[in-house]
Each structure stands twice: as C-alpha cells, then as structure tokens.
Amino acid sequence: MTNQPVQPIFILPEGTQKTSGMNAQKVNIEAAKQVADQVRSTLGPKGMDKMIVDSLGDVIITNDGVTILQEMAIEHPSAKMIVEVAKTQEDEVGDGTTTVVVLAGELLKNSLQLLEMGVHPTVIVKGYRLAANKAMSILNDISKPISLKDKAILIKIAETAMTGKGAEQIKEVLSEIVVKAVTHIAEEGDKVSVNIDNIKIEKKVGGSIEDTELVEGIILDKERVHSGMPKVVKNAKIALVNSALEIKNTEIDAKIQITDPSQMQAFIDQEETMLKNMVDKVIKSGANVIFCQKGVDDIAQHYLAKAGIFCARRVKKGDMDKLSMATGAKVLTNLDDLNKQDLGYAGTVEEIKVGDEDMTYVRECKNPKSVTLLVRGGTEHVIDEVKRALDDAIGDLAATLREGKVVSGAGACEIELAMKLKKYSESLSGREQLAVQSFSESMEVIPRTLAENAGLDPIDVIAAMRSAHDNKEVDSGIDVFSGKVKNAWKMGVIEPLKIKTQAVSSAAEVAIMILRIDDVIAGSGSAPQGPPGMPQQGMDM
C-alpha cells in the first residue's frame, strides 16, 4: 500500500495567524518591554520629556507616563495591557504611572530569562503571586502614619509629586496651594474622605505659572448676562436655579388667533408680566446673585439688572453642584420654591477679566467644600503640563489622607523590598524560589532608572543603597542632584503608600496575565507584529 500524502486540515479562516509556545511568549514580552522602554527615560526628577505629534499636527509635550502611552495609539494587544495598567494607576492614585509600567516591563524581562532556563510559566506565575503578596506586607511594615494635621509632610508629598514636571521651578508655592485645596475639601470621620472632583481646575493662557492661584470658592468661565448688572456684589446671597427664566414653549403645537392689534399687545404684556413675576420671586427671596443652568430671557435680564441682581446663565451642571457645595445654596428646579433658606453665601461675587475673557469669581465662602485652582502660564503646552503636575499632587495627597500612610521615595522602599524579598525567597523550596528572586531583582529597576536618568552609575548607586539598607537605614534613597545616598525622609522625598502598593500589585497582575498566554491567534489583518526577526507561524494544521 503506497503512502498517500496527508491533506492539511484548515480549521480557521485563511489569513489567520497563530504564534505558539515560547515564540508567543517572547513576542508578548518583547512588546511589553518596548512600551516600558518608551517611558523609562521620563522617570524621576531628572527624567526627560516626550514630544508627541498626532495625525492632525497637534503637539503634546509631557513626561506623564499615562499621557504618553494614551497619545501613542498603541496597537499590539499585549502592549495595550501595559497601557491599561497605567490607566488603572492613574484612576486609583493619579500618580506613579511610569513606575508601574517600568516595573511591569522589568518583571516580564526577568521572567523571560527563567523561561529560557526551562522554568514553566505556571511556576513563575505562582512565584510572582507569592512575591506580590509578601511585598504588600513589607510595604505596610515600612510605612509611617500621617494625618490631616501633618501639614509639613503633606507639602513634601506634593513637592515630590511635582519634582521633574513642568511646575518644578515653583513647586514650593504650588505645593502649599494644593495642600490648602485638599485640606479644604477633606472630610474627617472614621477615615478621612477626599473627593478630588470637588477641586475644580480652570486653565487660562496668559501671565506666568507664578500667577496660578487658589480661590476658596468657584471660578466660572461665565460673564454677567447684562451690562447694567453690578460687576461686584459683596455679601452675596446666591440662588441656584436649574430651570430657565424664560417663557416655556408648549409641548404640543398650538395656534393663537389674534383679530386686532390690541390683542397682540395684551399677549406681549402677558408674557412680560410672567417674566416680571419670575424676577419678583428672586427679589422676594432676598437673593442678589442668581446662577441659572438654562437660558435667561432678555426681558428677565432687564428686570434683574434694574433690581441690581448679578446673573450668569447656562452654567454647567457640574459647576452648579460645585457652587452648591462651596456656598451652601440648594439647586432648585422650580422658582416657586425659592425662599431665604435655599440661598447660599459668598463674601464676594465679581466679574474679572482674565486674559481676554471675563470670568466670574465666587469667593470668601464660609467653609467651602469645593474650591478652584486657576492655572496660568505663557502657552497652552505649559499650562497643560502644569495641570498634569497639579493633578498628580492632588491625587497623591488624596491617596495619602485616605490610607493615612506614607513611605520614603527616591528608590528607598524599592531597595528595601528587593532585599527583604530576596531573604524571603531563601525560605522557599522548589522553582518558585527562582521566580521570587526574579521579582526581587525587578524591584531594583526603579532606583537603577532614577540613577541612569540622572547620569549616575547605576551599579555604584545600587551597591551604596544596598550597603545602607544592610545597616537598617530603611529610608536611604538616591539624591539624584548630588549623586549620594541619603535619608529620603529627611530630604523630604515622601510618597503615599498607595502609589507603591497599587504599582506592585498591578505590575504583578499584568505580568502574570501576559505570562499565561501561550498561543496568540489573530484574524487576518489584525495579527500582532512582533519585534524584527521574531518568527510568525501560519495556521495550517
């Protein structure tokens, strides 16, 4: 019987690509590593910036990890997972996005060496999980408690967040502003509660970064609706209305038949009377400032101006809620319900020209639970970068107050983690020990990168830091400005515990997810491109 050639069986559509086993793992790890390499040079006080130009020619200049990754429009599915982990870090803490990406890249890079040694991916996964859990307890052990009263430490945390960003040159001034803003909106209970949505950040080109200011109240990008209204109102009694000061149109089509001019005049007079009644309700309540979420009729504007009432219209719902929190006013849907008890208070409501636009300042509120930061700067790019720095600082402070714990920065806690995890690995038997050792070595990527970005020798720096930590100097970190190992706590380089715990757990999770993939099956036209020279296999079986 002659041997007949076996007909290949196709189980997937033509053009589908499959990458299997070690090749799939190598492609995925390499893709993740390349993403980490893109942002690595931005880490730390001496990190560099990236310029990203999109297809429309819009330019973004930043060293904020998540902004860089989102603007790069990454296509590779494994690389997208790294972008997602940076986004999670941004959502949870607001800072540490570059740290988590660099850490995930290093965990995967070190896992590749174990894979090449013949260690099975599930063994590496188990070791990484053990190491991540141990890292959480180590971080908790080396953290220090902090409360709302520790203003000096809170200022240092804000300064640490802004170091290396566009706002660094005046970080001392901005840190105090941010701490003041966060402590204003913080609410003490069993735990401190901080809703950072209650800090409004308004941007205006013009002036310099030094002109950035905190308003204990709200700034609206709105002007008076009528020039006859007062520009400044002292001891403002504020009404917030989310309905229109206009005559409503009927829900259904209606026809009015007018047979002579006097009826026409009566109709117009009736409309005017209705509008005057609306304004009378505002006057009767004692309000001298009204913010309206919808439109205000021209006739209503006239009567309000005549009564000396300041009015702004089409105020966004979010701003109405913030005004309510800042002034204590209730947002009303029906003008009929407006009375003295529903009004809020502000020391001053004033229309001020900022740059080439008029803005309304609502200031001197009693114990405001919503405040505004007005960011100024010479160009749009400068303002955007300052805003990102402020967002990071606000996120760090919020995370600090919620958790009530902080750690030393400057690579101090990463070196401590690396050394304690290495010791922990020695208590394990089996191949998981290798994975935990690999995890501990990965922790050193942060101080090593800080040293590289500052033009220092990373080997010397890591050796000096290890020596200090061997002598129980837990707070010893790298001073990138002098190149020496110093006490990070005394240098004022302090970070929230949440940044570190979130970064370590998220980096470990994404590394584990990528390591568990041993087959990549991609439809025609969507096959992930590996690095040059990496083989791709077809789907015929």
Protein backbone atom coordinates (compact mmCIF):
# COMPACT_ATOMS: atom_id res chain seq x y z
CA MET A 1 0.00 0.00 0.00
CA THR A 2 1.53 3.31 -1.07
CA ASN A 3 1.89 6.16 1.44
CA GLN A 4 -0.58 8.87 0.46
CA PRO A 5 0.42 12.46 1.46
CA VAL A 6 -1.79 13.69 4.33
CA GLN A 7 -4.06 16.52 3.30
CA PRO A 8 -3.51 19.57 5.61
CA ILE A 9 -6.63 20.48 7.59
CA PHE A 10 -7.59 24.15 7.90
CA ILE A 11 -9.76 24.88 10.93
CA LEU A 12 -9.52 28.67 10.89
CA PRO A 13 -10.17 31.20 8.12
CA GLU A 14 -7.49 31.89 5.53
CA GLY A 15 -5.06 34.60 6.61
CA THR A 16 -5.44 33.85 10.32
CA GLN A 17 -2.09 33.87 12.10
CA LYS A 18 -1.05 31.75 15.05
CA THR A 19 2.01 32.13 17.24
CA SER A 20 2.57 29.35 19.77
CA GLY A 21 4.60 28.38 22.81
CA MET A 22 7.84 30.19 23.53
CA ASN A 23 7.53 32.29 20.38
CA ALA A 24 4.17 33.72 21.55
CA GLN A 25 5.59 34.45 25.00
CA LYS A 26 8.69 36.11 23.54
CA VAL A 27 6.64 38.32 21.20
CA ASN A 28 4.30 39.39 24.02
CA ILE A 29 7.11 40.06 26.49
CA GLU A 30 9.13 41.97 23.92
CA ALA A 31 6.10 44.14 23.06
CA ALA A 32 5.52 44.95 26.75
CA LYS A 33 9.23 45.67 27.25
CA GLN A 34 9.27 48.11 24.34
CA VAL A 35 6.34 50.03 25.88
CA ALA A 36 8.21 50.22 29.20
CA ASP A 37 11.36 51.44 27.38
CA GLN A 38 9.35 54.28 25.77
CA VAL A 39 8.54 55.88 29.13
CA ARG A 40 11.55 54.75 31.18
CA SER A 41 13.61 57.87 30.46
CA THR A 42 10.85 60.09 31.93
CA LEU A 43 11.10 58.63 35.47
CA GLY A 44 12.29 60.75 38.37
CA PRO A 45 13.37 64.34 38.99
CA LYS A 46 15.87 64.22 36.13
CA GLY A 47 13.52 62.46 33.71
CA MET A 48 13.24 63.81 30.17
CA ASP A 49 10.06 64.89 28.33
CA LYS A 50 8.48 63.41 25.20
CA MET A 51 7.01 65.34 22.30
CA ILE A 52 4.06 63.60 20.67
CA VAL A 53 2.66 64.93 17.40
CA ASP A 54 -0.64 63.40 16.30
CA SER A 55 -2.03 62.98 12.76
CA LEU A 56 -3.60 66.46 12.90
CA GLY A 57 -0.31 68.07 13.88
CA ASP A 58 -1.35 68.77 17.50
CA VAL A 59 1.63 68.71 19.84
CA ILE A 60 1.81 67.40 23.41
CA ILE A 61 4.99 67.80 25.47
CA THR A 62 4.95 65.81 28.71
CA ASN A 63 6.72 63.29 30.93
CA ASP A 64 3.48 61.92 32.37
CA GLY A 65 3.52 58.16 31.70
CA VAL A 66 -0.18 57.57 31.06
CA THR A 67 -0.49 60.65 28.80
CA ILE A 68 2.43 59.44 26.66
CA LEU A 69 1.04 55.92 26.32
CA GLN A 70 -2.51 57.05 25.51
CA GLU A 71 -1.34 59.51 22.88
CA MET A 72 0.92 56.92 21.21
CA ALA A 73 -2.12 54.96 19.94
CA ILE A 74 -0.50 51.57 20.63
CA GLU A 75 -1.85 48.64 18.58
CA HIS A 76 -0.19 45.46 19.92
CA PRO A 77 -2.64 43.62 22.24
CA SER A 78 -0.02 42.82 24.93
CA ALA A 79 1.31 46.37 24.80
CA LYS A 80 -2.28 47.60 25.26
CA MET A 81 -2.42 45.67 28.55
CA ILE A 82 0.50 47.75 29.81
CA VAL A 83 -1.35 50.93 28.79
CA GLU A 84 -4.40 49.69 30.72
CA VAL A 85 -2.32 49.12 33.85
CA ALA A 86 -1.03 52.71 33.62
CA LYS A 87 -4.63 53.92 33.26
CA THR A 88 -5.64 51.96 36.37
CA GLN A 89 -2.79 53.55 38.33
CA GLU A 90 -3.96 56.98 37.12
CA ASP A 91 -7.57 56.29 38.14
CA GLU A 92 -6.70 54.81 41.54
CA VAL A 93 -3.94 57.18 42.66
CA GLY A 94 -3.33 59.82 39.99
CA ASP A 95 0.44 59.32 40.06
CA GLY A 96 3.05 56.57 39.66
CA THR A 97 2.03 55.64 36.10
CA THR A 98 5.62 55.49 34.82
CA THR A 99 6.67 53.43 37.87
CA VAL A 100 4.03 50.75 37.23
CA VAL A 101 4.89 50.48 33.51
CA VAL A 102 8.66 50.25 34.13
CA LEU A 103 8.07 47.66 36.88
CA ALA A 104 5.80 45.53 34.66
CA GLY A 105 8.38 45.66 31.85
CA GLU A 106 11.17 44.53 34.19
CA LEU A 107 9.10 41.69 35.69
CA LEU A 108 8.46 40.36 32.17
CA LYS A 109 12.08 40.83 31.08
CA ASN A 110 13.32 38.81 34.07
CA SER A 111 10.66 36.16 33.56
CA LEU A 112 11.97 35.59 30.02
CA GLN A 113 15.33 34.53 31.46
CA LEU A 114 13.53 31.96 33.64
CA LEU A 115 11.52 30.70 30.65
CA GLU A 116 14.77 30.21 28.69
CA MET A 117 16.17 28.24 31.67
CA GLY A 118 13.21 25.86 31.31
CA VAL A 119 11.09 27.11 34.22
CA HIS A 120 7.40 26.56 33.40
CA PRO A 121 5.23 29.73 33.15
CA THR A 122 2.81 28.45 35.85
CA VAL A 123 5.74 28.11 38.29
CA ILE A 124 6.80 31.71 37.54
CA VAL A 125 3.19 32.85 38.00
CA LYS A 126 2.96 31.12 41.39
CA GLY A 127 6.28 32.67 42.50
CA TYR A 128 5.22 36.14 41.33
CA ARG A 129 1.94 35.85 43.27
CA LEU A 130 3.79 34.83 46.44
CA ALA A 131 6.25 37.71 45.99
CA ALA A 132 3.48 40.28 45.34
CA ASN A 133 1.60 39.23 48.50
CA LYS A 134 4.79 39.37 50.56
CA ALA A 135 5.62 42.80 49.05
CA MET A 136 2.27 44.17 50.29
CA SER A 137 3.02 43.17 53.90
CA ILE A 138 6.62 44.52 53.67
CA LEU A 139 5.35 47.88 52.37
CA ASN A 140 2.82 48.08 55.20
CA ASP A 141 5.56 47.34 57.73
CA ILE A 142 7.90 50.09 56.47
CA SER A 143 5.14 52.72 56.06
CA LYS A 144 4.59 55.58 58.51
CA PRO A 145 1.26 57.02 59.68
CA ILE A 146 0.15 60.53 58.71
CA SER A 147 -2.91 62.70 59.34
CA LEU A 148 -4.50 65.98 58.19
CA LYS A 149 -2.55 67.83 60.89
CA ASP A 150 0.86 66.94 59.40
CA LYS A 151 0.86 69.93 57.00
CA ALA A 152 4.68 69.99 56.60
CA ILE A 153 4.75 66.35 55.45
CA LEU A 154 1.75 66.88 53.13
CA ILE A 155 3.63 69.77 51.48
CA LYS A 156 6.67 67.49 50.98
CA ILE A 157 4.43 64.84 49.36
CA ALA A 158 3.05 67.45 46.93
CA GLU A 159 6.58 68.69 46.17
CA THR A 160 7.76 65.12 45.50
CA ALA A 161 4.86 64.62 43.04
CA MET A 162 5.74 67.83 41.15
CA THR A 163 9.52 67.32 41.04
CA GLY A 164 10.63 66.62 37.49
CA LYS A 165 7.43 68.06 36.00
CA GLY A 166 6.81 71.38 34.24
CA ALA A 167 5.79 73.05 37.50
CA GLU A 168 9.01 72.14 39.31
CA GLN A 169 10.50 75.66 39.34
CA ILE A 170 7.78 76.93 41.68
CA LYS A 171 6.82 73.65 43.36
CA GLU A 172 7.10 75.25 46.84
CA VAL A 173 4.35 77.78 46.04
CA LEU A 174 2.14 75.30 44.19
CA SER A 175 2.54 72.65 46.92
CA GLU A 176 1.13 74.99 49.54
CA ILE A 177 -1.78 75.87 47.23
CA VAL A 178 -2.55 72.18 46.58
CA VAL A 179 -2.33 71.21 50.27
CA LYS A 180 -4.67 74.09 51.15
CA ALA A 181 -7.12 72.98 48.44
CA VAL A 182 -7.13 69.32 49.51
CA THR A 183 -7.44 70.07 53.24
CA HIS A 184 -10.39 72.40 52.46
CA ILE A 185 -12.41 69.63 50.81
CA ALA A 186 -11.28 66.77 53.10
CA GLU A 187 -13.91 65.49 55.49
CA GLU A 188 -12.89 63.79 58.70
CA GLY A 189 -14.71 60.73 60.01
CA ASP A 190 -13.52 57.23 60.94
CA LYS A 191 -11.35 57.70 57.86
CA VAL A 192 -10.53 60.89 56.01
CA SER A 193 -12.69 61.22 52.90
CA VAL A 194 -11.39 63.24 49.94
CA ASN A 195 -13.39 63.70 46.73
CA ILE A 196 -10.94 65.31 44.30
CA ASP A 197 -13.81 66.13 41.92
CA ASN A 198 -14.56 68.98 44.33
CA ILE A 199 -11.33 70.68 43.27
CA LYS A 200 -12.05 72.47 40.01
CA ILE A 201 -9.05 73.26 37.82
CA GLU A 202 -9.61 76.17 35.42
CA LYS A 203 -6.94 76.95 32.78
CA LYS A 204 -6.24 80.36 31.24
CA VAL A 205 -3.35 81.26 28.94
CA GLY A 206 -1.55 84.44 29.97
CA GLY A 207 0.68 85.62 32.79
CA SER A 208 3.17 83.12 34.21
CA ILE A 209 2.98 79.94 36.29
CA GLU A 210 3.54 82.10 39.40
CA ASP A 211 0.10 83.68 38.79
CA THR A 212 -1.60 80.33 39.48
CA GLU A 213 -3.98 80.88 42.40
CA LEU A 214 -6.37 79.10 44.73
CA VAL A 215 -9.86 80.55 45.10
CA GLU A 216 -11.75 79.39 48.19
CA GLY A 217 -14.90 79.15 46.15
CA ILE A 218 -15.65 78.72 42.45
CA ILE A 219 -14.42 80.37 39.25
CA LEU A 220 -16.89 80.20 36.37
CA ASP A 221 -15.96 80.74 32.75
CA LYS A 222 -19.06 82.95 32.51
CA GLU A 223 -19.87 86.67 32.45
CA ARG A 224 -22.87 88.80 33.51
CA VAL A 225 -25.79 88.43 31.15
CA HIS A 226 -26.47 92.20 31.16
CA SER A 227 -24.08 95.17 31.21
CA GLY A 228 -26.42 97.02 33.61
CA MET A 229 -25.82 94.43 36.33
CA PRO A 230 -23.28 95.16 39.11
CA LYS A 231 -19.74 93.90 38.42
CA VAL A 232 -19.10 93.23 42.12
CA VAL A 233 -21.57 92.00 44.73
CA LYS A 234 -20.46 91.98 48.38
CA ASN A 235 -22.17 89.71 50.94
CA ALA A 236 -23.67 87.76 48.08
CA LYS A 237 -26.84 85.78 48.73
CA ILE A 238 -26.81 83.22 45.96
CA ALA A 239 -29.74 81.45 44.29
CA LEU A 240 -29.05 78.38 42.11
CA VAL A 241 -31.78 77.54 39.60
CA ASN A 242 -31.62 74.74 37.05
CA SER A 243 -34.71 75.85 35.11
CA ALA A 244 -34.96 78.64 32.52
CA LEU A 245 -36.01 82.21 33.30
CA GLU A 246 -37.93 82.20 30.02
CA ILE A 247 -41.48 81.59 28.82
CA LYS A 248 -41.82 77.88 28.15
CA ASN A 249 -42.87 76.71 24.72
CA THR A 250 -45.88 74.40 24.68
CA GLU A 251 -45.22 70.67 24.44
CA ILE A 252 -47.74 70.37 21.58
CA ASP A 253 -48.33 72.51 18.52
CA ALA A 254 -50.68 75.36 19.43
CA LYS A 255 -52.21 78.15 17.38
CA ILE A 256 -53.25 81.54 18.77
CA GLN A 257 -55.67 83.58 16.68
CA ILE A 258 -55.39 87.36 17.05
CA THR A 259 -58.02 89.50 15.35
CA ASP A 260 -56.87 93.03 16.27
CA PRO A 261 -53.64 94.81 17.38
CA SER A 262 -54.85 95.32 20.98
CA GLN A 263 -54.99 91.54 21.47
CA MET A 264 -51.41 91.31 20.21
CA GLN A 265 -50.32 93.91 22.74
CA ALA A 266 -52.19 92.11 25.52
CA PHE A 267 -50.39 88.87 24.60
CA ILE A 268 -46.97 90.60 24.73
CA ASP A 269 -47.88 92.31 28.01
CA GLN A 270 -48.90 88.95 29.49
CA GLU A 271 -45.54 87.41 28.58
CA GLU A 272 -43.74 90.38 30.15
CA THR A 273 -45.85 90.09 33.32
CA MET A 274 -44.97 86.40 33.64
CA LEU A 275 -41.26 87.18 33.33
CA LYS A 276 -41.55 90.04 35.82
CA ASN A 277 -43.27 87.67 38.27
CA MET A 278 -40.33 85.28 37.95
CA VAL A 279 -37.86 88.06 38.74
CA ASP A 280 -40.07 89.24 41.63
CA LYS A 281 -39.77 85.77 43.19
CA VAL A 282 -35.96 86.08 43.05
CA ILE A 283 -36.11 89.60 44.58
CA LYS A 284 -38.56 88.46 47.28
CA SER A 285 -36.22 85.64 48.39
CA GLY A 286 -33.52 88.25 49.13
CA ALA A 287 -31.09 86.88 46.51
CA ASN A 288 -28.69 89.38 44.93
CA VAL A 289 -26.88 86.80 42.75
CA ILE A 290 -28.51 84.13 40.61
CA PHE A 291 -26.83 81.36 38.61
CA CYS A 292 -29.07 79.74 36.06
CA GLN A 293 -28.37 76.37 34.40
CA LYS A 294 -30.51 77.28 31.40
CA GLY A 295 -31.42 80.43 29.46
CA VAL A 296 -32.48 83.85 30.76
CA ASP A 297 -34.91 85.91 28.63
CA ASP A 298 -33.88 89.46 27.58
CA ILE A 299 -36.80 90.99 29.49
CA ALA A 300 -35.89 88.98 32.63
CA GLN A 301 -32.30 90.23 32.22
CA HIS A 302 -33.60 93.81 32.14
CA TYR A 303 -35.63 93.43 35.34
CA LEU A 304 -32.77 91.63 37.15
CA ALA A 305 -30.33 94.41 36.15
CA LYS A 306 -32.84 97.02 37.33
CA ALA A 307 -33.04 95.28 40.71
CA GLY A 308 -29.22 95.24 40.98
CA ILE A 309 -29.02 91.43 40.79
CA PHE A 310 -25.96 89.71 39.27
CA CYS A 311 -26.91 86.87 36.91
CA ALA A 312 -24.96 84.30 34.87
CA ARG A 313 -26.71 81.80 32.61
CA ARG A 314 -26.06 78.38 31.04
CA VAL A 315 -23.85 77.29 33.94
CA LYS A 316 -22.80 73.62 33.59
CA LYS A 317 -24.45 71.08 35.90
CA GLY A 318 -21.07 70.12 37.38
CA ASP A 319 -20.40 73.78 38.19
CA MET A 320 -23.87 74.14 39.74
CA ASP A 321 -23.11 71.21 42.06
CA LYS A 322 -19.74 72.72 42.98
CA LEU A 323 -21.37 76.11 43.64
CA SER A 324 -23.84 74.35 45.92
CA MET A 325 -21.02 72.72 47.89
CA ALA A 326 -18.99 75.94 48.09
CA THR A 327 -21.80 78.34 49.05
CA GLY A 328 -24.31 76.07 50.77
CA ALA A 329 -27.09 77.02 48.32
CA LYS A 330 -29.69 74.46 47.21
CA VAL A 331 -30.13 73.82 43.49
CA LEU A 332 -33.84 74.40 42.73
CA THR A 333 -35.87 73.26 39.76
CA ASN A 334 -38.91 75.42 40.48
CA LEU A 335 -38.66 79.17 41.13
CA ASP A 336 -41.89 78.99 43.16
CA ASP A 337 -40.00 77.07 45.85
CA LEU A 338 -37.25 79.71 46.21
CA ASN A 339 -37.01 81.18 49.69
CA LYS A 340 -34.39 82.64 52.03
CA GLN A 341 -33.37 79.22 53.43
CA ASP A 342 -32.36 77.98 49.95
CA LEU A 343 -29.80 80.73 49.36
CA GLY A 344 -26.04 80.29 49.67
CA TYR A 345 -23.44 82.78 50.83
CA ALA A 346 -20.21 84.19 49.42
CA GLY A 347 -18.25 87.22 50.62
CA THR A 348 -17.78 88.45 47.06
CA VAL A 349 -19.12 87.64 43.61
CA GLU A 350 -17.16 89.51 40.97
CA GLU A 351 -16.66 89.59 37.22
CA ILE A 352 -12.92 89.82 36.46
CA LYS A 353 -11.14 89.96 33.11
CA VAL A 354 -8.59 87.12 32.92
CA GLY A 355 -6.54 87.26 29.74
CA ASP A 356 -9.02 88.27 27.06
CA GLU A 357 -12.11 86.73 28.70
CA ASP A 358 -14.43 87.73 31.53
CA MET A 359 -14.77 85.21 34.34
CA THR A 360 -16.97 85.17 37.44
CA TYR A 361 -15.24 84.67 40.81
CA VAL A 362 -17.33 83.41 43.74
CA ARG A 363 -15.03 83.97 46.73
CA GLU A 364 -14.80 84.16 50.53
CA CYS A 365 -17.25 81.32 51.08
CA LYS A 366 -17.81 80.05 54.62
CA ASN A 367 -16.06 76.66 54.98
CA PRO A 368 -16.27 75.80 51.24
CA LYS A 369 -16.29 72.09 50.37
CA SER A 370 -15.46 72.89 46.76
CA VAL A 371 -12.56 75.10 45.63
CA THR A 372 -10.95 76.23 42.36
CA LEU A 373 -7.36 76.30 41.11
CA LEU A 374 -6.81 78.84 38.33
CA VAL A 375 -3.75 77.71 36.34
CA ARG A 376 -1.86 80.37 34.39
CA GLY A 377 1.08 80.08 32.02
CA GLY A 378 2.68 81.52 28.91
CA THR A 379 1.43 78.89 26.44
CA GLU A 380 -1.20 76.16 26.19
CA HIS A 381 1.52 73.47 26.41
CA VAL A 382 2.95 74.96 29.62
CA ILE A 383 -0.49 75.17 31.24
CA ASP A 384 -1.36 71.58 30.27
CA GLU A 385 1.87 70.27 31.82
CA VAL A 386 1.35 72.33 35.00
CA LYS A 387 -2.21 70.97 35.23
CA ARG A 388 -0.88 67.40 34.93
CA ALA A 389 1.61 68.13 37.73
CA LEU A 390 -1.18 69.55 39.91
CA ASP A 391 -3.38 66.52 39.15
CA ASP A 392 -0.53 64.22 40.29
CA ALA A 393 -0.01 66.22 43.51
CA ILE A 394 -3.76 66.29 44.28
CA GLY A 395 -4.01 62.53 43.61
CA ASP A 396 -1.03 61.82 45.89
CA LEU A 397 -2.44 63.91 48.74
CA ALA A 398 -5.90 62.33 48.40
CA ALA A 399 -4.37 58.82 48.42
CA THR A 400 -2.21 59.74 51.44
CA LEU A 401 -5.13 61.04 53.50
CA ARG A 402 -7.44 58.14 52.61
CA GLU A 403 -4.85 55.49 53.55
CA GLY A 404 -3.16 57.53 56.28
CA LYS A 405 0.24 56.01 55.43
CA VAL A 406 3.36 57.13 53.56
CA VAL A 407 6.77 55.72 52.61
CA SER A 408 10.14 57.21 51.69
CA GLY A 409 10.69 57.82 47.99
CA ALA A 410 13.95 58.14 45.97
CA GLY A 411 14.06 54.35 45.43
CA ALA A 412 14.35 53.67 49.19
CA CYS A 413 11.32 51.39 49.56
CA GLU A 414 12.10 49.51 46.30
CA ILE A 415 15.59 48.59 47.55
CA GLU A 416 14.12 47.55 50.92
CA LEU A 417 11.54 45.43 49.05
CA ALA A 418 14.24 43.85 46.87
CA MET A 419 16.37 42.88 49.86
CA LYS A 420 13.52 41.54 52.00
CA LEU A 421 12.00 39.59 49.09
CA LYS A 422 15.41 38.02 48.38
CA LYS A 423 15.57 36.91 52.02
CA TYR A 424 12.00 35.60 51.76
CA SER A 425 12.93 33.58 48.64
CA GLU A 426 15.53 31.68 50.66
CA SER A 427 12.75 30.29 52.87
CA LEU A 428 11.07 28.69 49.83
CA SER A 429 11.87 25.36 48.22
CA GLY A 430 11.37 24.39 44.61
CA ARG A 431 11.49 26.51 41.49
CA GLU A 432 9.16 29.17 42.90
CA GLN A 433 12.25 30.39 44.74
CA LEU A 434 13.73 31.45 41.39
CA ALA A 435 10.59 33.41 40.49
CA VAL A 436 10.56 35.25 43.84
CA GLN A 437 14.27 36.09 43.36
CA SER A 438 13.45 37.35 39.86
CA PHE A 439 10.65 39.51 41.36
CA SER A 440 13.03 40.94 43.98
CA GLU A 441 15.62 41.83 41.31
CA SER A 442 12.90 43.56 39.28
CA MET A 443 12.23 45.95 42.19
CA GLU A 444 15.71 47.42 41.72
CA VAL A 445 14.76 48.76 38.28
CA ILE A 446 13.28 51.91 39.89
CA PRO A 447 16.44 53.14 41.72
CA ARG A 448 18.54 51.96 38.75
CA THR A 449 16.43 54.01 36.34
CA LEU A 450 16.50 57.06 38.65
CA ALA A 451 20.32 56.84 38.64
CA GLU A 452 20.53 56.34 34.84
CA ASN A 453 18.25 59.30 34.14
CA ALA A 454 20.41 61.49 36.38
CA GLY A 455 23.60 60.47 34.53
CA LEU A 456 24.91 58.46 37.51
CA ASP A 457 26.49 54.98 37.52
CA PRO A 458 23.60 52.65 38.44
CA ILE A 459 25.91 49.87 39.70
CA ASP A 460 27.62 52.19 42.20
CA VAL A 461 24.30 53.65 43.30
CA ILE A 462 22.61 50.25 43.86
CA ALA A 463 25.68 48.97 45.76
CA ALA A 464 25.71 52.04 48.03
CA MET A 465 21.95 51.76 48.66
CA ARG A 466 22.19 48.05 49.49
CA SER A 467 25.01 48.79 51.93
CA ALA A 468 22.91 51.47 53.69
CA HIS A 469 19.86 49.19 53.89
CA ASP A 470 22.05 46.36 55.26
CA ASN A 471 22.77 48.76 58.15
CA LYS A 472 18.99 49.04 58.81
CA GLU A 473 18.78 52.50 57.16
CA VAL A 474 15.30 51.82 55.69
CA ASP A 475 14.84 55.40 54.43
CA SER A 476 18.09 55.54 52.42
CA GLY A 477 17.44 56.63 48.84
CA ILE A 478 19.32 58.23 45.98
CA ASP A 479 19.75 62.00 45.90
CA VAL A 480 19.88 62.46 42.12
CA PHE A 481 21.16 66.04 42.47
CA SER A 482 24.29 65.18 44.47
CA GLY A 483 24.64 61.55 43.40
CA LYS A 484 24.90 60.43 47.03
CA VAL A 485 22.79 58.02 49.06
CA LYS A 486 20.90 59.99 51.72
CA ASN A 487 17.94 59.67 54.06
CA ALA A 488 14.96 60.25 51.72
CA TRP A 489 12.64 61.15 54.61
CA LYS A 490 14.99 63.92 55.76
CA MET A 491 15.39 65.10 52.13
CA GLY A 492 11.58 65.44 52.03
CA VAL A 493 11.12 62.82 49.29
CA ILE A 494 7.91 61.21 50.57
CA GLU A 495 5.24 59.28 48.67
CA PRO A 496 1.84 57.77 49.56
CA LEU A 497 1.89 54.07 50.43
CA LYS A 498 -0.98 53.61 47.92
CA ILE A 499 1.30 54.51 44.96
CA LYS A 500 3.65 51.65 45.83
CA THR A 501 1.05 49.01 46.73
CA GLN A 502 -1.01 49.76 43.61
CA ALA A 503 2.06 49.80 41.34
CA VAL A 504 3.45 46.50 42.67
CA SER A 505 0.11 44.66 42.60
CA SER A 506 -0.89 46.00 39.15
CA ALA A 507 2.54 45.31 37.61
CA ALA A 508 2.48 41.76 39.02
CA GLU A 509 -1.06 41.15 37.72
CA VAL A 510 -0.31 42.27 34.17
CA ALA A 511 2.97 40.31 34.09
CA ILE A 512 1.11 37.18 35.27
CA MET A 513 -1.61 37.67 32.64
CA ILE A 514 0.92 38.01 29.81
CA LEU A 515 2.98 35.03 31.06
CA ARG A 516 -0.08 32.76 31.00
CA ILE A 517 -0.59 33.34 27.25
CA ASP A 518 0.99 30.52 25.18
CA ASP A 519 -0.99 30.95 21.95
CA VAL A 520 -1.80 34.11 20.02
CA ILE A 521 -4.49 33.55 17.38
CA ALA A 522 -5.13 36.64 15.30
CA GLY A 523 -7.59 37.15 12.47
CA SER A 524 -6.48 38.36 9.06
CA GLY A 525 -5.16 41.91 9.18
CA SER A 526 -5.01 42.03 12.98
CA ALA A 527 -2.01 39.84 13.65
CA PRO A 528 0.18 41.43 16.32
CA GLN A 529 3.54 42.42 14.95
CA GLY A 530 6.43 41.09 16.95
CA PRO A 531 9.91 42.61 17.05
CA PRO A 532 12.05 42.24 13.91
CA GLY A 533 13.36 38.70 13.41
CA MET A 534 10.67 37.07 15.59
CA PRO A 535 9.03 34.22 13.59
CA GLN A 536 5.28 34.18 12.88
CA GLN A 537 3.61 30.85 12.15
CA GLY A 538 0.70 30.11 9.84
CA MET A 539 -2.49 28.32 10.88
CA ASP A 540 -2.48 25.22 8.67
CA MET A 541 -2.52 22.01 10.72
